[in-house]
Amino acid sequence: MSERFDVIVVGAGSFGTWTALELCLRGRSVALVEAYGPAHSRASSGGESRIIRMGYGPNEVYTRWSMRALERWQTLLAEAGQRLFHRTGVLWFARGAVADAYNPASLTTFEKLGVPHRTLSRH
């Protein structure tokens, strides 16, 4: 028997699963596929020590997606009565702006989109 889907989403991490969920909520039939199966150790956004990050350098669209994905995950978990997400924050060590443009671009995006953050000095 061959199943047909409107959309196939490849990758069941935070972005892939969020995308599949949003498509289902809009009435699409979705196949969500993951190369290594559920809860595998290669996932960047699953497991007890994984993060959902907001810093993507000059790629603001990924920060926007991450913010929306986090919001949807929290809504889904609240509806399911599960407490699986624990907000802890992250400490990001970075070189200066001259050596690496990625970090200042991330900070600019944080300011623009209202991502909570704090910049510390090593001095």
N, C-alpha and C. Protein backbone atom coordinates (compact mmCIF):
# COMPACT_ATOMS: atom_id res chain seq x y z
N MET A 1 0.84 -1.18 0.00
CA MET A 1 0.00 0.00 0.00
C MET A 1 0.89 1.25 0.00
N SER A 2 0.64 2.14 -0.88
CA SER A 2 1.43 3.36 -1.02
C SER A 2 0.67 4.55 -0.44
N GLU A 3 1.28 5.22 0.53
CA GLU A 3 0.65 6.42 1.09
C GLU A 3 1.12 7.64 0.32
N ARG A 4 0.26 8.62 0.22
CA ARG A 4 0.59 9.87 -0.45
C ARG A 4 0.46 11.01 0.56
N PHE A 5 1.40 11.94 0.49
CA PHE A 5 1.41 13.07 1.40
C PHE A 5 1.47 14.36 0.59
N ASP A 6 0.92 15.41 1.18
CA ASP A 6 1.04 16.74 0.56
C ASP A 6 2.48 17.23 0.67
N VAL A 7 3.11 16.93 1.80
CA VAL A 7 4.45 17.44 2.09
C VAL A 7 5.27 16.38 2.81
N ILE A 8 6.54 16.29 2.48
CA ILE A 8 7.47 15.46 3.24
C ILE A 8 8.50 16.40 3.86
N VAL A 9 8.64 16.34 5.17
CA VAL A 9 9.61 17.14 5.89
C VAL A 9 10.76 16.22 6.29
N VAL A 10 11.96 16.57 5.87
CA VAL A 10 13.13 15.76 6.17
C VAL A 10 13.87 16.40 7.35
N GLY A 11 13.98 15.64 8.43
CA GLY A 11 14.64 16.12 9.64
C GLY A 11 13.63 16.43 10.72
N ALA A 12 13.69 15.70 11.82
CA ALA A 12 12.71 15.84 12.89
C ALA A 12 13.28 16.57 14.11
N GLY A 13 14.17 17.52 13.85
CA GLY A 13 14.66 18.37 14.94
C GLY A 13 13.62 19.44 15.25
N SER A 14 14.03 20.49 15.96
CA SER A 14 13.06 21.51 16.37
C SER A 14 12.43 22.22 15.17
N PHE A 15 13.21 22.55 14.15
CA PHE A 15 12.64 23.21 12.98
C PHE A 15 11.77 22.27 12.16
N GLY A 16 12.25 21.06 11.92
CA GLY A 16 11.50 20.10 11.11
C GLY A 16 10.18 19.71 11.75
N THR A 17 10.22 19.42 13.04
CA THR A 17 9.00 19.02 13.74
C THR A 17 8.03 20.18 13.83
N TRP A 18 8.54 21.38 14.09
CA TRP A 18 7.68 22.56 14.13
C TRP A 18 7.03 22.79 12.77
N THR A 19 7.81 22.64 11.71
CA THR A 19 7.27 22.82 10.36
C THR A 19 6.18 21.79 10.08
N ALA A 20 6.43 20.53 10.42
CA ALA A 20 5.44 19.47 10.21
C ALA A 20 4.16 19.77 11.00
N LEU A 21 4.30 20.19 12.25
CA LEU A 21 3.14 20.51 13.07
C LEU A 21 2.34 21.66 12.47
N GLU A 22 3.02 22.71 12.06
CA GLU A 22 2.32 23.86 11.47
C GLU A 22 1.57 23.45 10.21
N LEU A 23 2.18 22.61 9.39
CA LEU A 23 1.51 22.14 8.17
C LEU A 23 0.28 21.29 8.50
N CYS A 24 0.40 20.43 9.51
CA CYS A 24 -0.75 19.61 9.93
C CYS A 24 -1.88 20.50 10.44
N LEU A 25 -1.54 21.52 11.21
CA LEU A 25 -2.55 22.43 11.74
C LEU A 25 -3.26 23.21 10.62
N ARG A 26 -2.62 23.27 9.46
CA ARG A 26 -3.21 23.94 8.30
C ARG A 26 -3.89 22.94 7.35
N GLY A 27 -4.05 21.71 7.82
CA GLY A 27 -4.80 20.73 7.06
C GLY A 27 -4.02 19.92 6.03
N ARG A 28 -2.71 20.01 6.04
CA ARG A 28 -1.89 19.25 5.10
C ARG A 28 -1.58 17.86 5.67
N SER A 29 -1.48 16.88 4.79
CA SER A 29 -0.99 15.56 5.22
C SER A 29 0.53 15.60 5.10
N VAL A 30 1.21 15.21 6.19
CA VAL A 30 2.66 15.40 6.28
C VAL A 30 3.34 14.10 6.69
N ALA A 31 4.42 13.79 6.01
CA ALA A 31 5.32 12.71 6.45
C ALA A 31 6.56 13.39 7.01
N LEU A 32 6.89 13.09 8.26
CA LEU A 32 8.08 13.63 8.91
C LEU A 32 9.09 12.49 9.00
N VAL A 33 10.23 12.64 8.33
CA VAL A 33 11.22 11.56 8.30
C VAL A 33 12.51 12.01 8.98
N GLU A 34 13.13 11.07 9.67
CA GLU A 34 14.36 11.34 10.39
C GLU A 34 15.33 10.20 10.11
N ALA A 35 16.52 10.52 9.68
CA ALA A 35 17.50 9.51 9.27
C ALA A 35 17.86 8.53 10.39
N TYR A 36 17.92 9.01 11.62
CA TYR A 36 18.42 8.18 12.70
C TYR A 36 17.36 7.74 13.70
N GLY A 37 16.09 8.02 13.43
CA GLY A 37 15.03 7.61 14.33
C GLY A 37 14.82 8.60 15.46
N PRO A 38 13.79 8.38 16.27
CA PRO A 38 13.48 9.32 17.36
C PRO A 38 14.52 9.29 18.47
N ALA A 39 14.74 10.44 19.06
CA ALA A 39 15.60 10.60 20.24
C ALA A 39 17.02 10.04 20.04
N HIS A 40 17.59 10.26 18.88
CA HIS A 40 18.93 9.76 18.63
C HIS A 40 20.00 10.73 19.16
N SER A 41 21.19 10.22 19.38
CA SER A 41 22.27 10.99 19.99
C SER A 41 22.89 12.02 19.04
N ARG A 42 22.57 11.96 17.76
CA ARG A 42 23.14 12.91 16.80
C ARG A 42 22.30 14.18 16.65
N ALA A 43 21.16 14.22 17.30
CA ALA A 43 20.26 15.36 17.18
C ALA A 43 20.87 16.61 17.83
N SER A 44 20.69 17.74 17.19
CA SER A 44 21.20 18.98 17.78
C SER A 44 20.16 19.64 18.68
N SER A 45 18.92 19.23 18.60
CA SER A 45 17.87 19.88 19.39
C SER A 45 17.03 18.89 20.18
N GLY A 46 17.56 17.72 20.45
CA GLY A 46 16.83 16.75 21.25
C GLY A 46 17.71 16.19 22.34
N GLY A 47 17.10 15.58 23.33
CA GLY A 47 17.86 15.00 24.44
C GLY A 47 17.91 15.94 25.62
N GLU A 48 18.43 15.44 26.72
CA GLU A 48 18.40 16.21 27.96
C GLU A 48 19.40 17.36 28.00
N SER A 49 20.35 17.40 27.09
CA SER A 49 21.35 18.46 27.13
C SER A 49 21.35 19.31 25.85
N ARG A 50 20.28 19.32 25.13
CA ARG A 50 20.22 20.05 23.86
C ARG A 50 19.70 21.47 24.06
N ILE A 51 19.94 22.29 23.05
CA ILE A 51 19.52 23.69 23.13
C ILE A 51 18.67 24.06 21.92
N ILE A 52 17.92 25.11 22.09
CA ILE A 52 17.32 25.80 20.95
C ILE A 52 17.93 27.20 21.02
N ARG A 53 18.66 27.56 20.00
CA ARG A 53 19.41 28.81 20.06
C ARG A 53 18.77 29.87 19.17
N MET A 54 19.17 31.11 19.40
CA MET A 54 18.65 32.25 18.63
C MET A 54 19.73 32.92 17.80
N GLY A 55 21.00 32.62 18.05
CA GLY A 55 22.10 33.28 17.37
C GLY A 55 22.46 32.59 16.06
N TYR A 56 22.19 33.27 14.95
CA TYR A 56 22.51 32.75 13.62
C TYR A 56 23.24 33.78 12.76
N GLY A 57 24.02 34.64 13.41
CA GLY A 57 24.77 35.64 12.66
C GLY A 57 23.85 36.54 11.85
N PRO A 58 24.17 36.77 10.58
CA PRO A 58 23.37 37.68 9.76
C PRO A 58 22.09 37.04 9.22
N ASN A 59 21.86 35.77 9.51
CA ASN A 59 20.69 35.05 8.99
C ASN A 59 19.48 35.22 9.91
N GLU A 60 18.90 36.40 9.88
CA GLU A 60 17.79 36.75 10.76
C GLU A 60 16.61 35.78 10.65
N VAL A 61 16.39 35.26 9.46
CA VAL A 61 15.24 34.37 9.26
C VAL A 61 15.32 33.16 10.19
N TYR A 62 16.52 32.63 10.44
CA TYR A 62 16.65 31.48 11.33
C TYR A 62 16.33 31.86 12.78
N THR A 63 16.72 33.05 13.18
CA THR A 63 16.37 33.51 14.52
C THR A 63 14.86 33.63 14.65
N ARG A 64 14.22 34.19 13.64
CA ARG A 64 12.75 34.29 13.65
C ARG A 64 12.12 32.90 13.73
N TRP A 65 12.61 31.96 12.94
CA TRP A 65 12.09 30.59 12.97
C TRP A 65 12.29 29.97 14.34
N SER A 66 13.46 30.18 14.92
CA SER A 66 13.75 29.61 16.23
C SER A 66 12.83 30.18 17.30
N MET A 67 12.58 31.46 17.25
CA MET A 67 11.67 32.09 18.20
C MET A 67 10.27 31.51 18.06
N ARG A 68 9.82 31.37 16.83
CA ARG A 68 8.47 30.82 16.58
C ARG A 68 8.41 29.35 16.98
N ALA A 69 9.45 28.60 16.66
CA ALA A 69 9.48 27.18 17.03
C ALA A 69 9.41 27.02 18.54
N LEU A 70 10.16 27.82 19.28
CA LEU A 70 10.15 27.74 20.73
C LEU A 70 8.75 28.05 21.27
N GLU A 71 8.14 29.08 20.73
CA GLU A 71 6.79 29.45 21.15
C GLU A 71 5.81 28.29 20.91
N ARG A 72 5.88 27.68 19.73
CA ARG A 72 4.99 26.56 19.40
C ARG A 72 5.27 25.34 20.26
N TRP A 73 6.55 25.05 20.53
CA TRP A 73 6.89 23.93 21.40
C TRP A 73 6.30 24.14 22.78
N GLN A 74 6.44 25.33 23.31
CA GLN A 74 5.92 25.61 24.64
C GLN A 74 4.40 25.48 24.67
N THR A 75 3.72 25.93 23.63
CA THR A 75 2.27 25.78 23.54
C THR A 75 1.88 24.31 23.49
N LEU A 76 2.55 23.55 22.63
CA LEU A 76 2.26 22.13 22.49
C LEU A 76 2.48 21.39 23.82
N LEU A 77 3.58 21.66 24.49
CA LEU A 77 3.86 20.99 25.76
C LEU A 77 2.85 21.38 26.83
N ALA A 78 2.42 22.64 26.85
CA ALA A 78 1.40 23.07 27.81
C ALA A 78 0.08 22.35 27.55
N GLU A 79 -0.29 22.23 26.27
CA GLU A 79 -1.52 21.52 25.91
C GLU A 79 -1.44 20.05 26.30
N ALA A 80 -0.25 19.47 26.22
CA ALA A 80 -0.06 18.05 26.55
C ALA A 80 0.16 17.84 28.05
N GLY A 81 0.31 18.94 28.80
CA GLY A 81 0.54 18.82 30.23
C GLY A 81 1.92 18.28 30.57
N GLN A 82 2.89 18.54 29.71
CA GLN A 82 4.25 18.04 29.90
C GLN A 82 5.21 19.20 30.19
N ARG A 83 6.15 18.96 31.09
CA ARG A 83 7.20 19.95 31.33
C ARG A 83 8.52 19.34 30.89
N LEU A 84 8.85 19.54 29.63
CA LEU A 84 10.06 18.98 29.07
C LEU A 84 11.11 20.04 28.77
N PHE A 85 10.69 21.29 28.70
CA PHE A 85 11.61 22.37 28.38
C PHE A 85 11.96 23.10 29.67
N HIS A 86 13.26 23.29 29.90
CA HIS A 86 13.74 24.00 31.08
C HIS A 86 14.63 25.14 30.62
N ARG A 87 14.16 26.36 30.77
CA ARG A 87 14.94 27.53 30.34
C ARG A 87 16.12 27.72 31.29
N THR A 88 17.32 27.70 30.73
CA THR A 88 18.52 27.85 31.54
C THR A 88 19.43 28.96 31.06
N GLY A 89 19.33 29.34 29.80
CA GLY A 89 20.26 30.32 29.25
C GLY A 89 21.50 29.64 28.69
N VAL A 90 22.37 30.42 28.12
CA VAL A 90 23.60 29.89 27.52
C VAL A 90 24.70 30.93 27.68
N LEU A 91 25.91 30.46 27.87
CA LEU A 91 27.07 31.35 27.91
C LEU A 91 27.84 31.12 26.62
N TRP A 92 27.92 32.17 25.81
CA TRP A 92 28.53 32.07 24.48
C TRP A 92 29.84 32.85 24.50
N PHE A 93 30.95 32.15 24.33
CA PHE A 93 32.26 32.81 24.27
C PHE A 93 32.53 33.21 22.83
N ALA A 94 32.96 34.45 22.62
CA ALA A 94 33.13 34.94 21.25
C ALA A 94 34.36 35.81 21.14
N ARG A 95 34.92 35.82 19.94
CA ARG A 95 36.02 36.72 19.63
C ARG A 95 35.46 38.12 19.39
N GLY A 96 36.34 39.07 19.27
CA GLY A 96 35.92 40.44 19.01
C GLY A 96 35.34 40.61 17.62
N ALA A 97 34.69 41.74 17.40
CA ALA A 97 34.02 42.01 16.13
C ALA A 97 34.98 42.03 14.95
N VAL A 98 36.20 42.45 15.17
CA VAL A 98 37.16 42.50 14.07
C VAL A 98 37.50 41.09 13.59
N ALA A 99 37.62 40.15 14.52
CA ALA A 99 37.99 38.78 14.18
C ALA A 99 36.82 37.96 13.64
N ASP A 100 35.61 38.32 14.02
CA ASP A 100 34.47 37.48 13.69
C ASP A 100 33.21 38.32 13.56
N ALA A 101 32.68 38.47 12.36
CA ALA A 101 31.49 39.30 12.13
C ALA A 101 30.20 38.58 12.52
N TYR A 102 30.25 37.26 12.74
CA TYR A 102 29.06 36.46 13.05
C TYR A 102 28.40 36.93 14.35
N ASN A 103 29.19 37.15 15.37
CA ASN A 103 28.65 37.51 16.68
C ASN A 103 28.02 38.91 16.71
N PRO A 104 28.68 39.94 16.17
CA PRO A 104 28.01 41.24 16.13
C PRO A 104 26.71 41.21 15.31
N ALA A 105 26.70 40.41 14.24
CA ALA A 105 25.47 40.29 13.45
C ALA A 105 24.37 39.63 14.27
N SER A 106 24.74 38.63 15.08
CA SER A 106 23.75 38.00 15.97
C SER A 106 23.21 39.01 16.97
N LEU A 107 24.10 39.82 17.55
CA LEU A 107 23.66 40.84 18.50
C LEU A 107 22.72 41.85 17.88
N THR A 108 23.01 42.24 16.64
CA THR A 108 22.12 43.17 15.94
C THR A 108 20.73 42.56 15.77
N THR A 109 20.68 41.29 15.41
CA THR A 109 19.40 40.59 15.27
C THR A 109 18.69 40.48 16.61
N PHE A 110 19.44 40.18 17.67
CA PHE A 110 18.83 40.11 19.01
C PHE A 110 18.16 41.42 19.37
N GLU A 111 18.86 42.53 19.13
CA GLU A 111 18.31 43.85 19.44
C GLU A 111 17.05 44.11 18.61
N LYS A 112 17.12 43.82 17.33
CA LYS A 112 15.99 44.08 16.43
C LYS A 112 14.75 43.27 16.81
N LEU A 113 14.95 42.00 17.19
CA LEU A 113 13.82 41.10 17.45
C LEU A 113 13.46 40.98 18.93
N GLY A 114 14.22 41.64 19.80
CA GLY A 114 13.91 41.58 21.22
C GLY A 114 14.31 40.29 21.90
N VAL A 115 15.36 39.64 21.41
CA VAL A 115 15.86 38.42 22.04
C VAL A 115 16.61 38.82 23.32
N PRO A 116 16.18 38.31 24.47
CA PRO A 116 16.88 38.66 25.72
C PRO A 116 18.34 38.19 25.67
N HIS A 117 19.23 39.08 26.05
CA HIS A 117 20.65 38.75 26.06
C HIS A 117 21.41 39.77 26.90
N ARG A 118 22.63 39.43 27.22
CA ARG A 118 23.50 40.32 27.97
C ARG A 118 24.91 40.13 27.43
N THR A 119 25.62 41.21 27.21
CA THR A 119 27.00 41.13 26.76
C THR A 119 27.91 41.41 27.95
N LEU A 120 28.83 40.50 28.18
CA LEU A 120 29.78 40.65 29.30
C LEU A 120 31.16 40.95 28.74
N SER A 121 31.97 41.59 29.54
CA SER A 121 33.34 41.87 29.18
C SER A 121 34.26 40.92 29.95
N ARG A 122 35.37 40.57 29.34
CA ARG A 122 36.32 39.72 30.06
C ARG A 122 37.16 40.52 31.06
N HIS A 123 37.01 41.81 31.04
CA HIS A 123 37.79 42.68 31.94
C HIS A 123 36.99 43.03 33.16
